[in-house]
Structure formats: structure tokens, C-alpha cells
């Protein structure tokens, strides 16, 4: 391109990357807690490098900068994942599922 991109002087890789993931938080909660069933927990645990819970399930916290991403993340696992926190995002997921079942 004729116009060259200049990296902003305020940009910091270490501030942008949290736990190896790039986040850009606005007014969203900073984290979410999800419980994965034993049916899928092993795969999640291996990917994240964390141990399973005693019953074979996995409860873990994820950084959250985008509520839409959080909803997509939980919903992709269907009934095998449950968002525990934050309550406001849990309510949004409940509303979305309700709308889908009534639609």
C-alpha cells in the first residue's frame, strides 16, 4: 500500500497479551468461570495445560474481554459446558437459549 502503518507509541505487547491470549477489554467483565463436563473436560484440560477435577470435569477461569466471544465459547459445547460467572453473562446466555427455543 502507499500508506505505511505506524505502530502506536503507546502499544505494549505485554499489556496486550494476557496468559498468551490477546485481549482488548472495553467495559466487559475481565473473566469468566466455566464448568466443562467430564465428557469434554480432558480435551480442554490438555489444551490449557491444567489438571482435571476429581470427578473428571473441569472448572476453569478464562480471561474475558468480549462478552460475545464468551457466549460463543460456552454455546459451542452445548450442554457439556456451563457458564458459572459472571452472572450478567450467564443471564444473557439463558436469554439467547430461551429465544432460540421459542423462535
N, C-alpha and C. Protein backbone atom coordinates (compact mmCIF):
# COMPACT_ATOMS: atom_id res chain seq x y z
N UNK A 1 0.83 -1.19 0.00
CA UNK A 1 0.00 0.00 0.00
C UNK A 1 0.87 1.25 0.00
N UNK A 2 0.29 2.30 -0.46
CA UNK A 2 1.01 3.56 -0.48
C UNK A 2 1.16 4.13 0.93
N UNK A 3 0.20 3.85 1.80
CA UNK A 3 0.25 4.37 3.16
C UNK A 3 0.86 3.31 4.07
N UNK A 4 1.82 3.72 4.84
CA UNK A 4 2.52 2.79 5.73
C UNK A 4 1.91 2.83 7.13
N UNK A 5 1.76 1.65 7.77
CA UNK A 5 1.22 1.57 9.11
C UNK A 5 2.31 1.87 10.13
N UNK A 6 2.00 2.72 11.06
CA UNK A 6 2.93 3.04 12.14
C UNK A 6 2.38 2.47 13.44
N UNK A 7 3.17 1.69 14.14
CA UNK A 7 2.76 1.14 15.43
C UNK A 7 2.64 2.29 16.42
N UNK A 8 1.48 2.40 17.10
CA UNK A 8 1.32 3.49 18.06
C UNK A 8 2.40 3.43 19.16
N UNK A 9 2.87 4.56 19.59
CA UNK A 9 3.92 4.60 20.61
C UNK A 9 3.42 4.06 21.94
N UNK A 10 2.11 4.02 22.14
CA UNK A 10 1.55 3.53 23.40
C UNK A 10 1.32 2.02 23.40
N UNK A 11 1.58 1.35 22.27
CA UNK A 11 1.33 -0.09 22.17
C UNK A 11 2.36 -0.87 22.99
N UNK A 12 1.87 -1.87 23.73
CA UNK A 12 2.73 -2.73 24.52
C UNK A 12 2.29 -4.18 24.34
N UNK A 13 3.19 -5.04 23.87
CA UNK A 13 2.86 -6.45 23.68
C UNK A 13 2.49 -7.08 25.01
N UNK A 14 3.26 -6.79 26.07
CA UNK A 14 3.00 -7.42 27.37
C UNK A 14 1.65 -7.01 27.94
N UNK A 15 1.20 -5.80 27.69
CA UNK A 15 -0.11 -5.38 28.16
C UNK A 15 -1.23 -5.96 27.30
N UNK A 16 -0.97 -6.18 26.03
CA UNK A 16 -1.98 -6.72 25.12
C UNK A 16 -2.16 -8.22 25.32
N UNK A 17 -1.09 -8.92 25.59
CA UNK A 17 -1.15 -10.37 25.77
C UNK A 17 -1.32 -10.71 27.24
N UNK A 18 -2.37 -11.47 27.54
CA UNK A 18 -2.60 -11.95 28.90
C UNK A 18 -2.77 -13.45 28.83
N UNK A 19 -1.93 -14.18 29.54
CA UNK A 19 -1.96 -15.64 29.51
C UNK A 19 -1.84 -16.18 28.09
N UNK A 20 -1.03 -15.53 27.28
CA UNK A 20 -0.82 -15.99 25.92
C UNK A 20 -1.94 -15.67 24.96
N UNK A 21 -2.90 -14.83 25.39
CA UNK A 21 -4.04 -14.50 24.55
C UNK A 21 -4.15 -12.98 24.45
N UNK A 22 -4.40 -12.51 23.23
CA UNK A 22 -4.55 -11.08 23.02
C UNK A 22 -5.94 -10.63 23.43
N UNK A 23 -6.00 -9.68 24.33
CA UNK A 23 -7.29 -9.18 24.81
C UNK A 23 -7.36 -7.67 24.64
N UNK A 24 -8.54 -7.19 24.39
CA UNK A 24 -8.77 -5.77 24.26
C UNK A 24 -10.07 -5.47 25.00
N UNK A 25 -10.01 -5.26 26.29
CA UNK A 25 -11.21 -5.08 27.11
C UNK A 25 -11.75 -3.66 27.01
N UNK A 26 -13.06 -3.56 26.88
CA UNK A 26 -13.73 -2.28 26.97
C UNK A 26 -14.43 -2.23 28.32
N UNK A 27 -15.75 -2.45 28.33
CA UNK A 27 -16.48 -2.45 29.58
C UNK A 27 -16.92 -3.85 29.98
N UNK A 28 -16.39 -4.86 29.33
CA UNK A 28 -16.78 -6.24 29.62
C UNK A 28 -16.12 -6.70 30.92
N UNK A 29 -16.71 -7.72 31.56
CA UNK A 29 -16.04 -8.30 32.73
C UNK A 29 -14.66 -8.80 32.32
N UNK A 30 -13.76 -8.92 33.27
CA UNK A 30 -12.39 -9.31 32.93
C UNK A 30 -12.18 -10.81 32.93
N UNK A 31 -13.16 -11.58 33.40
CA UNK A 31 -13.00 -13.01 33.41
C UNK A 31 -14.34 -13.73 33.47
N UNK A 32 -14.29 -15.03 33.15
CA UNK A 32 -15.49 -15.86 33.26
C UNK A 32 -15.07 -17.23 33.76
N UNK A 33 -15.98 -17.87 34.50
CA UNK A 33 -15.73 -19.20 35.04
C UNK A 33 -16.66 -20.17 34.34
N UNK A 34 -16.09 -21.24 33.78
CA UNK A 34 -16.85 -22.23 33.03
C UNK A 34 -16.59 -23.61 33.61
N UNK A 35 -17.65 -24.40 33.72
CA UNK A 35 -17.52 -25.81 34.13
C UNK A 35 -17.77 -26.67 32.90
N UNK A 36 -16.79 -27.52 32.57
CA UNK A 36 -16.89 -28.44 31.44
C UNK A 36 -17.18 -29.83 31.98
N UNK A 37 -18.09 -30.55 31.36
CA UNK A 37 -18.44 -31.90 31.79
C UNK A 37 -17.26 -32.84 31.56
N UNK A 38 -17.32 -33.98 32.26
CA UNK A 38 -16.26 -34.98 32.11
C UNK A 38 -16.15 -35.48 30.67
N UNK A 39 -17.23 -35.36 29.91
CA UNK A 39 -17.23 -35.81 28.52
C UNK A 39 -16.23 -35.04 27.65
N UNK A 40 -16.04 -33.76 27.93
CA UNK A 40 -15.13 -32.94 27.11
C UNK A 40 -13.98 -32.34 27.89
N UNK A 41 -14.00 -32.47 29.21
CA UNK A 41 -13.02 -31.79 30.06
C UNK A 41 -11.58 -32.18 29.76
N UNK A 42 -11.35 -33.45 29.44
CA UNK A 42 -9.98 -33.89 29.19
C UNK A 42 -9.35 -33.11 28.03
N UNK A 43 -10.13 -32.93 26.98
CA UNK A 43 -9.62 -32.20 25.82
C UNK A 43 -9.28 -30.75 26.19
N UNK A 44 -10.17 -30.10 26.95
CA UNK A 44 -9.94 -28.71 27.37
C UNK A 44 -8.72 -28.65 28.29
N UNK A 45 -8.64 -29.57 29.23
CA UNK A 45 -7.52 -29.58 30.19
C UNK A 45 -6.18 -29.76 29.47
N UNK A 46 -6.12 -30.65 28.50
CA UNK A 46 -4.89 -30.86 27.75
C UNK A 46 -4.51 -29.61 26.97
N UNK A 47 -5.49 -28.99 26.34
CA UNK A 47 -5.23 -27.77 25.55
C UNK A 47 -4.74 -26.64 26.45
N UNK A 48 -5.30 -26.51 27.65
CA UNK A 48 -4.96 -25.41 28.54
C UNK A 48 -3.82 -25.74 29.50
N UNK A 49 -3.43 -27.01 29.55
CA UNK A 49 -2.33 -27.40 30.44
C UNK A 49 -2.69 -27.34 31.90
N UNK A 50 -3.92 -27.76 32.24
CA UNK A 50 -4.39 -27.75 33.63
C UNK A 50 -4.91 -29.13 34.01
N UNK A 51 -4.93 -29.46 35.31
CA UNK A 51 -5.43 -30.77 35.73
C UNK A 51 -6.95 -30.82 35.79
N UNK A 52 -7.49 -32.02 35.63
CA UNK A 52 -8.93 -32.24 35.76
C UNK A 52 -9.35 -32.18 37.22
N UNK A 53 -10.64 -31.90 37.46
CA UNK A 53 -11.19 -32.00 38.81
C UNK A 53 -11.30 -33.49 39.16
N UNK A 54 -11.50 -33.80 40.43
CA UNK A 54 -11.54 -35.19 40.91
C UNK A 54 -12.60 -36.03 40.19
N UNK A 55 -13.74 -35.41 39.79
CA UNK A 55 -14.81 -36.16 39.13
C UNK A 55 -14.65 -36.25 37.61
N UNK A 56 -13.52 -35.75 37.09
CA UNK A 56 -13.27 -35.80 35.66
C UNK A 56 -13.75 -34.58 34.91
N UNK A 57 -14.47 -33.71 35.59
CA UNK A 57 -14.91 -32.47 34.95
C UNK A 57 -13.78 -31.44 35.08
N UNK A 58 -14.02 -30.24 34.62
CA UNK A 58 -13.03 -29.18 34.72
C UNK A 58 -13.76 -27.86 34.93
N UNK A 59 -13.38 -27.15 35.96
CA UNK A 59 -13.88 -25.79 36.18
C UNK A 59 -12.69 -24.88 36.06
N UNK A 60 -12.77 -23.93 35.15
CA UNK A 60 -11.64 -23.03 34.98
C UNK A 60 -12.09 -21.62 34.65
N UNK A 61 -11.20 -20.70 34.92
CA UNK A 61 -11.45 -19.30 34.61
C UNK A 61 -10.73 -18.94 33.32
N UNK A 62 -11.42 -18.15 32.51
CA UNK A 62 -10.86 -17.67 31.26
C UNK A 62 -10.85 -16.15 31.29
N UNK A 63 -9.84 -15.52 30.71
CA UNK A 63 -9.91 -14.08 30.56
C UNK A 63 -11.06 -13.75 29.61
N UNK A 64 -11.70 -12.64 29.84
CA UNK A 64 -12.85 -12.26 29.02
C UNK A 64 -12.80 -10.77 28.71
N UNK A 65 -12.65 -10.46 27.46
CA UNK A 65 -12.66 -9.07 27.04
C UNK A 65 -13.86 -8.77 26.16
N UNK A 66 -14.54 -9.81 25.72
CA UNK A 66 -15.64 -9.66 24.77
C UNK A 66 -16.75 -10.63 25.14
N UNK A 67 -17.89 -10.11 25.60
CA UNK A 67 -18.99 -10.98 26.02
C UNK A 67 -19.52 -11.84 24.88
N UNK A 68 -19.52 -11.33 23.67
CA UNK A 68 -19.98 -12.14 22.53
C UNK A 68 -19.08 -13.35 22.34
N UNK A 69 -17.76 -13.16 22.50
CA UNK A 69 -16.84 -14.29 22.41
C UNK A 69 -17.16 -15.30 23.52
N UNK A 70 -17.40 -14.80 24.73
CA UNK A 70 -17.70 -15.67 25.86
C UNK A 70 -18.95 -16.50 25.61
N UNK A 71 -19.99 -15.88 25.05
CA UNK A 71 -21.20 -16.63 24.73
C UNK A 71 -20.93 -17.69 23.68
N UNK A 72 -20.22 -17.32 22.62
CA UNK A 72 -19.90 -18.29 21.56
C UNK A 72 -19.07 -19.44 22.12
N UNK A 73 -18.12 -19.12 22.98
CA UNK A 73 -17.25 -20.15 23.54
C UNK A 73 -18.07 -21.18 24.32
N UNK A 74 -18.95 -20.72 25.18
CA UNK A 74 -19.74 -21.64 26.00
C UNK A 74 -20.75 -22.39 25.15
N UNK A 75 -21.46 -21.69 24.28
CA UNK A 75 -22.51 -22.33 23.48
C UNK A 75 -21.98 -23.37 22.50
N UNK A 76 -20.74 -23.23 22.06
CA UNK A 76 -20.20 -24.22 21.11
C UNK A 76 -20.12 -25.61 21.71
N UNK A 77 -20.10 -25.71 23.04
CA UNK A 77 -20.02 -27.01 23.70
C UNK A 77 -21.39 -27.55 24.12
N UNK A 78 -22.45 -26.84 23.78
CA UNK A 78 -23.80 -27.30 24.10
C UNK A 78 -23.97 -27.54 25.59
N UNK A 79 -24.59 -28.65 25.92
CA UNK A 79 -24.87 -28.96 27.33
C UNK A 79 -23.63 -29.44 28.09
N UNK A 80 -22.49 -29.53 27.42
CA UNK A 80 -21.26 -30.00 28.07
C UNK A 80 -20.48 -28.88 28.76
N UNK A 81 -20.96 -27.63 28.63
CA UNK A 81 -20.30 -26.50 29.29
C UNK A 81 -21.36 -25.63 29.96
N UNK A 82 -21.02 -25.15 31.14
CA UNK A 82 -21.93 -24.27 31.88
C UNK A 82 -21.15 -23.05 32.35
N UNK A 83 -21.65 -21.88 31.99
CA UNK A 83 -21.04 -20.64 32.47
C UNK A 83 -21.48 -20.42 33.91
N UNK A 84 -20.54 -20.33 34.82
CA UNK A 84 -20.86 -20.12 36.23
C UNK A 84 -20.82 -18.65 36.60
N UNK A 85 -19.88 -17.91 36.06
CA UNK A 85 -19.72 -16.48 36.35
C UNK A 85 -19.18 -15.78 35.12
N UNK A 86 -19.47 -14.54 34.91
CA UNK A 86 -20.26 -13.60 35.71
C UNK A 86 -21.77 -13.82 35.49
N UNK A 87 -22.54 -13.44 36.49
CA UNK A 87 -23.99 -13.67 36.47
C UNK A 87 -24.67 -12.95 35.31
N UNK A 88 -24.21 -11.75 34.98
CA UNK A 88 -24.85 -10.99 33.88
C UNK A 88 -24.67 -11.71 32.55
N UNK A 89 -23.51 -12.28 32.31
CA UNK A 89 -23.28 -13.01 31.06
C UNK A 89 -24.06 -14.32 31.07
N UNK A 90 -24.14 -14.97 32.22
CA UNK A 90 -24.94 -16.19 32.34
C UNK A 90 -26.39 -15.89 31.96
N UNK A 91 -26.91 -14.77 32.42
CA UNK A 91 -28.29 -14.37 32.10
C UNK A 91 -28.46 -14.13 30.60
N UNK A 92 -27.46 -13.54 29.97
CA UNK A 92 -27.53 -13.32 28.52
C UNK A 92 -27.56 -14.65 27.76
N UNK A 93 -26.80 -15.62 28.22
CA UNK A 93 -26.81 -16.94 27.58
C UNK A 93 -28.17 -17.60 27.76
N UNK A 94 -28.72 -17.51 28.96
CA UNK A 94 -30.05 -18.06 29.22
C UNK A 94 -31.08 -17.41 28.30
N UNK A 95 -31.02 -16.11 28.16
CA UNK A 95 -31.96 -15.40 27.28
C UNK A 95 -31.80 -15.82 25.82
N UNK A 96 -30.56 -15.99 25.38
CA UNK A 96 -30.32 -16.41 24.00
C UNK A 96 -30.87 -17.81 23.77
N UNK A 97 -30.62 -18.72 24.68
CA UNK A 97 -31.15 -20.08 24.55
C UNK A 97 -32.68 -20.10 24.58
N UNK A 98 -33.25 -19.27 25.43
CA UNK A 98 -34.70 -19.17 25.52
C UNK A 98 -35.29 -18.66 24.20
N UNK A 99 -34.66 -17.64 23.64
CA UNK A 99 -35.13 -17.10 22.36
C UNK A 99 -35.03 -18.14 21.25
N UNK A 100 -33.97 -18.94 21.28
CA UNK A 100 -33.80 -19.97 20.27
C UNK A 100 -34.87 -21.05 20.39
N UNK A 101 -35.23 -21.40 21.61
CA UNK A 101 -36.22 -22.46 21.80
C UNK A 101 -37.65 -21.99 21.55
N UNK A 102 -37.86 -20.69 21.65
CA UNK A 102 -39.20 -20.12 21.41
C UNK A 102 -39.38 -19.60 19.99
N UNK A 103 -38.27 -19.50 19.28
CA UNK A 103 -38.29 -18.89 17.95
C UNK A 103 -38.81 -19.78 16.93
